[in-house]
Amino acid sequence: QEEREKRRLEQLERKKELQRLLEEENSKLQGKIPKQGNPGKITRAQIEESIRREHKESAEGAEKEKSHLELPLEENLNRQLPEEGAVEARSIEDAIAALSVSQAQERHPERRLRAAFAAFEELRLPRLKQENPNMRLSQLRQLLRKEWMKSPENPMNQRHQAYNSQK
């Protein structure tokens, strides 16, 4: 019977201890939650205090934003302009062409054809007139054309690649 009495007392002590712990926990939680005053009436002092608090919080937030905005911008390395004399190569063929010493083969010699022929005609026509004084200008031009087709000054006779060939 004494054992039963001991158990009952221990259970009561445990219950009291648990009740006390629960009350402590509740009081801590209630302490953290600010009590809302009577929402019906607010004094001017309370209004001014809340305004001051809001201004203080917004000022702290603004300081954080300002510090973020005041940081210097980093330079974008992808957008740097190439230095003068620098060569940009985006493929292996371009890099080899940029590094090679020899002249790259021309892909569009026909673009220079008219200007090259005009220069050739300017040099050779007076010589052809001296050699053949009795020929008409159209005949001289025919001779000049034949000579032009075999001439090394003709861009079409120089080494070139097809315009649509792989680099």
N, C-alpha and C. Protein backbone atom coordinates (compact mmCIF):
# COMPACT_ATOMS: atom_id res chain seq x y z
N GLN A 1 0.82 -1.18 0.00
CA GLN A 1 0.00 0.00 0.00
C GLN A 1 0.87 1.26 0.00
N GLU A 2 1.99 1.18 0.64
CA GLU A 2 2.92 2.31 0.63
C GLU A 2 3.44 2.56 -0.78
N GLU A 3 3.65 1.48 -1.52
CA GLU A 3 4.13 1.62 -2.90
C GLU A 3 3.10 2.34 -3.76
N ARG A 4 1.84 2.00 -3.56
CA ARG A 4 0.78 2.66 -4.31
C ARG A 4 0.76 4.15 -3.98
N GLU A 5 0.93 4.43 -2.72
CA GLU A 5 0.93 5.83 -2.27
C GLU A 5 2.11 6.57 -2.90
N LYS A 6 3.28 5.93 -2.97
CA LYS A 6 4.47 6.54 -3.57
C LYS A 6 4.23 6.83 -5.06
N ARG A 7 3.66 5.85 -5.74
CA ARG A 7 3.39 6.01 -7.18
C ARG A 7 2.43 7.18 -7.41
N ARG A 8 1.40 7.24 -6.60
CA ARG A 8 0.42 8.29 -6.75
C ARG A 8 1.05 9.66 -6.51
N LEU A 9 1.91 9.76 -5.49
CA LEU A 9 2.59 11.02 -5.20
C LEU A 9 3.54 11.40 -6.35
N GLU A 10 4.24 10.41 -6.88
CA GLU A 10 5.15 10.67 -8.00
C GLU A 10 4.37 11.16 -9.22
N GLN A 11 3.23 10.54 -9.46
CA GLN A 11 2.41 10.96 -10.60
C GLN A 11 1.91 12.39 -10.40
N LEU A 12 1.51 12.70 -9.18
CA LEU A 12 1.06 14.07 -8.89
C LEU A 12 2.20 15.07 -9.10
N GLU A 13 3.40 14.69 -8.64
CA GLU A 13 4.56 15.57 -8.81
C GLU A 13 4.86 15.78 -10.30
N ARG A 14 4.79 14.68 -11.06
CA ARG A 14 5.03 14.78 -12.51
C ARG A 14 3.99 15.69 -13.16
N LYS A 15 2.73 15.52 -12.77
CA LYS A 15 1.67 16.36 -13.33
C LYS A 15 1.91 17.82 -13.00
N LYS A 16 2.30 18.09 -11.74
CA LYS A 16 2.55 19.47 -11.34
C LYS A 16 3.74 20.05 -12.11
N GLU A 17 4.78 19.22 -12.26
CA GLU A 17 5.97 19.66 -13.00
C GLU A 17 5.62 19.96 -14.46
N LEU A 18 4.84 19.07 -15.07
CA LEU A 18 4.43 19.28 -16.46
C LEU A 18 3.56 20.53 -16.59
N GLN A 19 2.67 20.72 -15.61
CA GLN A 19 1.80 21.90 -15.62
C GLN A 19 2.64 23.17 -15.50
N ARG A 20 3.64 23.12 -14.62
CA ARG A 20 4.51 24.28 -14.42
C ARG A 20 5.30 24.58 -15.70
N LEU A 21 5.83 23.53 -16.35
CA LEU A 21 6.58 23.72 -17.60
C LEU A 21 5.67 24.29 -18.70
N LEU A 22 4.45 23.80 -18.75
CA LEU A 22 3.50 24.29 -19.75
C LEU A 22 3.20 25.77 -19.53
N GLU A 23 3.01 26.15 -18.27
CA GLU A 23 2.73 27.55 -17.96
C GLU A 23 3.93 28.44 -18.30
N GLU A 24 5.15 27.96 -18.02
CA GLU A 24 6.36 28.73 -18.36
C GLU A 24 6.45 28.93 -19.87
N GLU A 25 6.19 27.86 -20.60
CA GLU A 25 6.27 27.94 -22.06
C GLU A 25 5.23 28.91 -22.60
N ASN A 26 4.02 28.84 -22.07
CA ASN A 26 2.96 29.75 -22.51
C ASN A 26 3.31 31.20 -22.19
N SER A 27 3.90 31.42 -21.02
CA SER A 27 4.26 32.79 -20.64
C SER A 27 5.37 33.33 -21.56
N LYS A 28 6.31 32.46 -21.96
CA LYS A 28 7.36 32.88 -22.88
C LYS A 28 6.77 33.23 -24.24
N LEU A 29 5.85 32.40 -24.71
CA LEU A 29 5.21 32.65 -26.01
C LEU A 29 4.40 33.94 -25.97
N GLN A 30 3.69 34.16 -24.88
CA GLN A 30 2.89 35.37 -24.76
C GLN A 30 3.79 36.59 -24.66
N GLY A 31 4.95 36.44 -24.09
CA GLY A 31 5.90 37.54 -23.99
C GLY A 31 6.43 37.94 -25.36
N LYS A 32 6.59 36.97 -26.26
CA LYS A 32 7.10 37.25 -27.60
C LYS A 32 6.05 37.94 -28.45
N ILE A 33 4.80 37.57 -28.30
CA ILE A 33 3.73 38.15 -29.10
C ILE A 33 3.32 39.46 -28.45
N PRO A 34 3.47 40.59 -29.16
CA PRO A 34 3.06 41.85 -28.54
C PRO A 34 1.54 41.89 -28.42
N LYS A 35 1.11 42.36 -27.28
CA LYS A 35 -0.34 42.42 -27.05
C LYS A 35 -0.91 43.57 -27.85
N GLN A 36 -1.97 43.29 -28.55
CA GLN A 36 -2.64 44.33 -29.31
C GLN A 36 -3.48 45.14 -28.32
N GLY A 37 -3.29 46.44 -28.39
CA GLY A 37 -4.08 47.30 -27.51
C GLY A 37 -5.50 47.37 -28.04
N ASN A 38 -6.27 48.18 -27.41
CA ASN A 38 -7.65 48.34 -27.84
C ASN A 38 -7.62 48.94 -29.25
N PRO A 39 -8.03 48.17 -30.25
CA PRO A 39 -7.93 48.67 -31.61
C PRO A 39 -8.90 49.81 -31.91
N GLY A 40 -9.87 49.98 -31.08
CA GLY A 40 -10.86 51.04 -31.30
C GLY A 40 -10.25 52.42 -31.12
N LYS A 41 -9.41 52.62 -30.10
CA LYS A 41 -8.85 53.94 -29.83
C LYS A 41 -7.34 53.84 -29.81
N ILE A 42 -6.71 54.72 -30.58
CA ILE A 42 -5.25 54.79 -30.61
C ILE A 42 -4.88 56.23 -30.31
N THR A 43 -3.92 56.41 -29.42
CA THR A 43 -3.52 57.76 -29.06
C THR A 43 -2.53 58.30 -30.08
N ARG A 44 -2.34 59.62 -30.04
CA ARG A 44 -1.38 60.24 -30.96
C ARG A 44 0.03 59.73 -30.71
N ALA A 45 0.34 59.49 -29.48
CA ALA A 45 1.67 58.99 -29.14
C ALA A 45 1.90 57.63 -29.80
N GLN A 46 0.87 56.77 -29.76
CA GLN A 46 1.01 55.45 -30.39
C GLN A 46 1.17 55.59 -31.91
N ILE A 47 0.42 56.51 -32.51
CA ILE A 47 0.52 56.73 -33.96
C ILE A 47 1.92 57.22 -34.32
N GLU A 48 2.41 58.22 -33.57
CA GLU A 48 3.74 58.77 -33.85
C GLU A 48 4.82 57.70 -33.66
N GLU A 49 4.65 56.89 -32.63
CA GLU A 49 5.62 55.82 -32.38
C GLU A 49 5.64 54.82 -33.55
N SER A 50 4.45 54.45 -34.03
CA SER A 50 4.40 53.49 -35.14
C SER A 50 5.00 54.10 -36.42
N ILE A 51 4.76 55.40 -36.64
CA ILE A 51 5.34 56.08 -37.81
C ILE A 51 6.86 56.11 -37.70
N ARG A 52 7.38 56.45 -36.51
CA ARG A 52 8.83 56.47 -36.29
C ARG A 52 9.43 55.09 -36.56
N ARG A 53 8.76 54.07 -36.06
CA ARG A 53 9.23 52.69 -36.24
C ARG A 53 9.29 52.33 -37.74
N GLU A 54 8.23 52.70 -38.48
CA GLU A 54 8.18 52.40 -39.92
C GLU A 54 9.29 53.14 -40.67
N HIS A 55 9.51 54.42 -40.30
CA HIS A 55 10.57 55.19 -40.96
C HIS A 55 11.94 54.58 -40.67
N LYS A 56 12.10 54.14 -39.44
CA LYS A 56 13.38 53.54 -39.06
C LYS A 56 13.62 52.26 -39.86
N GLU A 57 12.59 51.42 -39.98
CA GLU A 57 12.73 50.17 -40.74
C GLU A 57 12.98 50.45 -42.22
N SER A 58 12.27 51.43 -42.79
CA SER A 58 12.47 51.74 -44.21
C SER A 58 13.86 52.34 -44.44
N ALA A 59 14.37 53.12 -43.47
CA ALA A 59 15.71 53.69 -43.60
C ALA A 59 16.75 52.58 -43.57
N GLU A 60 16.56 51.60 -42.71
CA GLU A 60 17.50 50.47 -42.66
C GLU A 60 17.47 49.69 -43.97
N GLY A 61 16.28 49.50 -44.52
CA GLY A 61 16.14 48.81 -45.80
C GLY A 61 16.79 49.61 -46.92
N ALA A 62 16.62 50.94 -46.88
CA ALA A 62 17.21 51.80 -47.91
C ALA A 62 18.73 51.76 -47.83
N GLU A 63 19.27 51.71 -46.61
CA GLU A 63 20.72 51.63 -46.46
C GLU A 63 21.26 50.37 -47.11
N LYS A 64 20.57 49.27 -46.92
CA LYS A 64 21.01 48.02 -47.52
C LYS A 64 20.98 48.13 -49.04
N GLU A 65 19.90 48.70 -49.59
CA GLU A 65 19.78 48.86 -51.03
C GLU A 65 20.85 49.80 -51.56
N LYS A 66 21.09 50.90 -50.87
CA LYS A 66 22.10 51.85 -51.31
C LYS A 66 23.46 51.18 -51.35
N SER A 67 23.78 50.42 -50.34
CA SER A 67 25.09 49.78 -50.32
C SER A 67 25.23 48.82 -51.50
N HIS A 68 24.13 48.19 -51.87
CA HIS A 68 24.16 47.29 -53.03
C HIS A 68 24.32 48.08 -54.32
N LEU A 69 23.63 49.22 -54.41
CA LEU A 69 23.69 50.02 -55.63
C LEU A 69 25.00 50.79 -55.76
N GLU A 70 25.63 51.08 -54.65
CA GLU A 70 26.85 51.86 -54.69
C GLU A 70 28.06 51.04 -55.11
N LEU A 71 27.92 49.72 -55.14
CA LEU A 71 29.05 48.90 -55.55
C LEU A 71 29.40 49.20 -57.00
N PRO A 72 30.69 49.25 -57.33
CA PRO A 72 31.07 49.52 -58.73
C PRO A 72 30.72 48.33 -59.62
N LEU A 73 30.31 48.64 -60.83
CA LEU A 73 29.95 47.58 -61.77
C LEU A 73 31.21 46.92 -62.31
N GLU A 74 31.14 45.61 -62.45
CA GLU A 74 32.27 44.89 -63.02
C GLU A 74 32.20 45.00 -64.53
N GLU A 75 33.35 45.09 -65.15
CA GLU A 75 33.39 45.21 -66.60
C GLU A 75 33.05 43.87 -67.23
N ASN A 76 32.21 43.90 -68.25
CA ASN A 76 31.81 42.68 -68.95
C ASN A 76 32.92 42.28 -69.90
N LEU A 77 33.59 41.18 -69.59
CA LEU A 77 34.72 40.74 -70.39
C LEU A 77 34.30 40.28 -71.78
N ASN A 78 33.03 39.89 -71.93
CA ASN A 78 32.55 39.42 -73.23
C ASN A 78 32.35 40.56 -74.21
N ARG A 79 32.25 41.78 -73.71
CA ARG A 79 31.96 42.92 -74.58
C ARG A 79 33.17 43.82 -74.79
N GLN A 80 34.36 43.38 -74.45
CA GLN A 80 35.53 44.22 -74.63
C GLN A 80 35.84 44.37 -76.11
N LEU A 81 36.23 45.57 -76.48
CA LEU A 81 36.60 45.81 -77.87
C LEU A 81 38.00 45.25 -78.11
N PRO A 82 38.21 44.63 -79.27
CA PRO A 82 39.55 44.09 -79.54
C PRO A 82 40.55 45.23 -79.72
N GLU A 83 41.77 44.98 -79.29
CA GLU A 83 42.81 45.99 -79.41
C GLU A 83 43.18 46.14 -80.88
N GLU A 84 43.75 47.29 -81.20
CA GLU A 84 44.11 47.53 -82.60
C GLU A 84 45.22 46.56 -83.00
N GLY A 85 45.06 45.96 -84.13
CA GLY A 85 46.04 44.97 -84.60
C GLY A 85 45.71 43.57 -84.14
N ALA A 86 44.72 43.43 -83.27
CA ALA A 86 44.34 42.10 -82.80
C ALA A 86 43.50 41.42 -83.87
N VAL A 87 43.69 40.12 -83.98
CA VAL A 87 42.95 39.35 -84.97
C VAL A 87 41.99 38.43 -84.23
N GLU A 88 40.75 38.40 -84.68
CA GLU A 88 39.75 37.56 -84.05
C GLU A 88 39.49 36.35 -84.93
N ALA A 89 39.64 35.17 -84.36
CA ALA A 89 39.39 33.94 -85.11
C ALA A 89 38.41 33.10 -84.32
N ARG A 90 37.31 32.71 -84.95
CA ARG A 90 36.27 31.94 -84.26
C ARG A 90 36.28 30.47 -84.64
N SER A 91 37.14 30.08 -85.54
CA SER A 91 37.24 28.67 -85.90
C SER A 91 38.71 28.33 -86.10
N ILE A 92 38.98 27.05 -86.21
CA ILE A 92 40.37 26.60 -86.39
C ILE A 92 40.92 27.13 -87.71
N GLU A 93 40.12 27.08 -88.77
CA GLU A 93 40.58 27.55 -90.08
C GLU A 93 40.92 29.03 -90.03
N ASP A 94 40.08 29.82 -89.35
CA ASP A 94 40.35 31.25 -89.22
C ASP A 94 41.64 31.49 -88.44
N ALA A 95 41.85 30.71 -87.39
CA ALA A 95 43.06 30.87 -86.58
C ALA A 95 44.30 30.53 -87.40
N ILE A 96 44.24 29.45 -88.17
CA ILE A 96 45.38 29.07 -89.01
C ILE A 96 45.63 30.14 -90.06
N ALA A 97 44.57 30.66 -90.66
CA ALA A 97 44.72 31.71 -91.67
C ALA A 97 45.33 32.97 -91.05
N ALA A 98 44.94 33.30 -89.82
CA ALA A 98 45.47 34.49 -89.16
C ALA A 98 46.94 34.32 -88.80
N LEU A 99 47.32 33.10 -88.43
CA LEU A 99 48.70 32.86 -88.02
C LEU A 99 49.63 32.57 -89.20
N SER A 100 49.08 32.17 -90.33
CA SER A 100 49.94 31.80 -91.46
C SER A 100 50.55 33.04 -92.08
N VAL A 101 51.74 32.86 -92.65
CA VAL A 101 52.48 33.96 -93.25
C VAL A 101 52.06 34.15 -94.70
N SER A 102 51.74 33.06 -95.39
CA SER A 102 51.40 33.14 -96.81
C SER A 102 50.05 33.84 -97.00
N GLN A 103 49.86 34.34 -98.20
CA GLN A 103 48.62 35.05 -98.52
C GLN A 103 47.49 34.04 -98.67
N ALA A 104 46.35 34.35 -98.13
CA ALA A 104 45.20 33.46 -98.24
C ALA A 104 44.69 33.48 -99.67
N GLN A 105 44.16 32.35 -100.12
CA GLN A 105 43.64 32.29 -101.48
C GLN A 105 42.37 33.12 -101.56
N GLU A 106 42.25 33.82 -102.69
CA GLU A 106 41.10 34.69 -102.86
C GLU A 106 39.89 33.89 -103.29
N ARG A 107 38.74 34.25 -102.77
CA ARG A 107 37.52 33.53 -103.10
C ARG A 107 36.70 34.22 -104.19
N HIS A 108 36.88 35.53 -104.38
CA HIS A 108 36.08 36.27 -105.36
C HIS A 108 36.98 37.12 -106.26
N PRO A 109 37.74 36.50 -107.15
CA PRO A 109 38.62 37.29 -108.03
C PRO A 109 37.83 38.11 -109.05
N GLU A 110 36.61 37.67 -109.35
CA GLU A 110 35.81 38.38 -110.35
C GLU A 110 35.44 39.79 -109.89
N ARG A 111 35.54 40.04 -108.61
CA ARG A 111 35.23 41.38 -108.11
C ARG A 111 36.30 42.38 -108.55
N ARG A 112 37.53 41.91 -108.72
CA ARG A 112 38.62 42.80 -109.13
C ARG A 112 38.81 42.82 -110.64
N LEU A 113 38.06 42.00 -111.35
CA LEU A 113 38.29 41.78 -112.78
C LEU A 113 38.21 43.07 -113.59
N ARG A 114 37.17 43.85 -113.44
CA ARG A 114 36.96 45.04 -114.26
C ARG A 114 38.06 46.07 -114.03
N ALA A 115 38.39 46.31 -112.76
CA ALA A 115 39.43 47.30 -112.45
C ALA A 115 40.79 46.83 -112.94
N ALA A 116 41.07 45.54 -112.80
CA ALA A 116 42.35 45.00 -113.26
C ALA A 116 42.46 45.10 -114.78
N PHE A 117 41.38 44.83 -115.49
CA PHE A 117 41.41 44.93 -116.95
C PHE A 117 41.60 46.37 -117.39
N ALA A 118 40.97 47.31 -116.71
CA ALA A 118 41.13 48.73 -117.06
C ALA A 118 42.59 49.15 -116.89
N ALA A 119 43.24 48.72 -115.83
CA ALA A 119 44.66 49.04 -115.61
C ALA A 119 45.53 48.37 -116.67
N PHE A 120 45.22 47.12 -117.02
CA PHE A 120 45.96 46.37 -118.04
C PHE A 120 45.83 47.07 -119.40
N GLU A 121 44.61 47.50 -119.73
CA GLU A 121 44.35 48.16 -121.01
C GLU A 121 45.10 49.48 -121.08
N GLU A 122 45.12 50.21 -119.99
CA GLU A 122 45.81 51.50 -119.96
C GLU A 122 47.30 51.34 -120.24
N LEU A 123 47.89 50.25 -119.76
CA LEU A 123 49.32 50.02 -119.98
C LEU A 123 49.61 49.46 -121.38
N ARG A 124 48.82 48.51 -121.85
CA ARG A 124 49.14 47.76 -123.07
C ARG A 124 48.61 48.38 -124.36
N LEU A 125 47.53 49.14 -124.29
CA LEU A 125 46.93 49.68 -125.52
C LEU A 125 47.90 50.60 -126.29
N PRO A 126 48.63 51.50 -125.62
CA PRO A 126 49.58 52.33 -126.38
C PRO A 126 50.66 51.49 -127.09
N ARG A 127 51.13 50.44 -126.45
CA ARG A 127 52.15 49.57 -127.06
C ARG A 127 51.58 48.87 -128.28
N LEU A 128 50.33 48.35 -128.16
CA LEU A 128 49.69 47.67 -129.29
C LEU A 128 49.45 48.64 -130.45
N LYS A 129 49.13 49.91 -130.17
CA LYS A 129 48.93 50.90 -131.23
C LYS A 129 50.24 51.14 -131.98
N GLN A 130 51.36 51.15 -131.26
CA GLN A 130 52.66 51.34 -131.91
C GLN A 130 53.00 50.15 -132.79
N GLU A 131 52.72 48.95 -132.31
CA GLU A 131 53.05 47.74 -133.07
C GLU A 131 52.14 47.59 -134.29
N ASN A 132 50.89 47.96 -134.17
CA ASN A 132 49.91 47.79 -135.25
C ASN A 132 49.22 49.13 -135.54
N PRO A 133 49.88 50.05 -136.26
CA PRO A 133 49.29 51.37 -136.48
C PRO A 133 48.10 51.35 -137.44
N ASN A 134 47.96 50.32 -138.28
CA ASN A 134 46.89 50.31 -139.27
C ASN A 134 45.60 49.69 -138.76
N MET A 135 45.61 49.11 -137.58
CA MET A 135 44.42 48.43 -137.06
C MET A 135 43.45 49.42 -136.42
N ARG A 136 42.19 49.06 -136.49
CA ARG A 136 41.16 49.87 -135.85
C ARG A 136 41.17 49.60 -134.33
N LEU A 137 40.50 50.47 -133.59
CA LEU A 137 40.47 50.35 -132.12
C LEU A 137 39.79 49.05 -131.70
N SER A 138 38.73 48.64 -132.40
CA SER A 138 38.05 47.39 -132.05
C SER A 138 38.97 46.20 -132.26
N GLN A 139 39.80 46.24 -133.33
CA GLN A 139 40.75 45.15 -133.58
C GLN A 139 41.82 45.13 -132.49
N LEU A 140 42.27 46.33 -132.12
CA LEU A 140 43.28 46.41 -131.05
C LEU A 140 42.72 45.85 -129.74
N ARG A 141 41.47 46.15 -129.50
CA ARG A 141 40.84 45.65 -128.27
C ARG A 141 40.70 44.14 -128.31
N GLN A 142 40.45 43.56 -129.49
CA GLN A 142 40.39 42.10 -129.61
C GLN A 142 41.74 41.48 -129.27
N LEU A 143 42.82 42.06 -129.79
CA LEU A 143 44.17 41.58 -129.47
C LEU A 143 44.44 41.72 -127.97
N LEU A 144 44.02 42.86 -127.46
CA LEU A 144 44.21 43.12 -126.03
C LEU A 144 43.48 42.08 -125.18
N ARG A 145 42.26 41.71 -125.60
CA ARG A 145 41.48 40.69 -124.88
C ARG A 145 42.20 39.35 -124.90
N LYS A 146 42.72 38.96 -126.06
CA LYS A 146 43.44 37.68 -126.17
C LYS A 146 44.65 37.68 -125.23
N GLU A 147 45.36 38.79 -125.24
CA GLU A 147 46.53 38.91 -124.37
C GLU A 147 46.10 38.87 -122.89
N TRP A 148 44.98 39.51 -122.60
CA TRP A 148 44.46 39.56 -121.22
C TRP A 148 44.11 38.17 -120.71
N MET A 149 43.55 37.33 -121.58
CA MET A 149 43.15 35.99 -121.16
C MET A 149 44.34 35.15 -120.72
N LYS A 150 45.53 35.43 -121.28
CA LYS A 150 46.73 34.65 -120.94
C LYS A 150 47.59 35.36 -119.88
N SER A 151 47.28 36.59 -119.58
CA SER A 151 48.14 37.41 -118.72
C SER A 151 48.09 36.96 -117.26
N PRO A 152 49.24 37.01 -116.56
CA PRO A 152 49.25 36.71 -115.12
C PRO A 152 48.59 37.82 -114.28
N GLU A 153 48.38 38.98 -114.90
CA GLU A 153 47.72 40.08 -114.19
C GLU A 153 46.22 39.86 -114.08
N ASN A 154 45.69 38.95 -114.88
CA ASN A 154 44.26 38.62 -114.84
C ASN A 154 43.98 37.87 -113.53
N PRO A 155 43.07 38.37 -112.70
CA PRO A 155 42.78 37.70 -111.42
C PRO A 155 42.24 36.29 -111.61
N MET A 156 41.61 36.02 -112.73
CA MET A 156 41.07 34.68 -112.97
C MET A 156 42.18 33.68 -113.28
N ASN A 157 43.35 34.16 -113.68
CA ASN A 157 44.48 33.26 -113.95
C ASN A 157 45.29 33.00 -112.69
N GLN A 158 45.06 33.78 -111.66
CA GLN A 158 45.80 33.57 -110.42
C GLN A 158 45.13 32.46 -109.62
N ARG A 159 45.87 31.93 -108.66
CA ARG A 159 45.31 30.85 -107.84
C ARG A 159 44.18 31.41 -107.00
N HIS A 160 43.06 30.72 -107.02
CA HIS A 160 41.93 31.12 -106.19
C HIS A 160 41.08 29.90 -105.88
N GLN A 161 40.23 30.08 -104.87
CA GLN A 161 39.32 29.01 -104.48
C GLN A 161 37.94 29.33 -105.01
N ALA A 162 37.14 28.29 -105.13
CA ALA A 162 35.75 28.51 -105.49
C ALA A 162 35.07 29.28 -104.36
N TYR A 163 34.15 30.15 -104.70
CA TYR A 163 33.51 31.01 -103.69
C TYR A 163 32.75 30.20 -102.65
N ASN A 164 32.28 29.00 -103.03
CA ASN A 164 31.47 28.21 -102.09
C ASN A 164 32.23 27.03 -101.50
N SER A 165 33.55 27.05 -101.61
CA SER A 165 34.33 25.94 -101.06
C SER A 165 34.47 26.08 -99.55
N GLN A 166 34.78 24.96 -98.91
CA GLN A 166 35.00 24.99 -97.46
C GLN A 166 36.29 25.74 -97.19
N LYS A 167 36.31 26.45 -96.08
CA LYS A 167 37.53 27.17 -95.73
C LYS A 167 38.56 26.13 -95.43
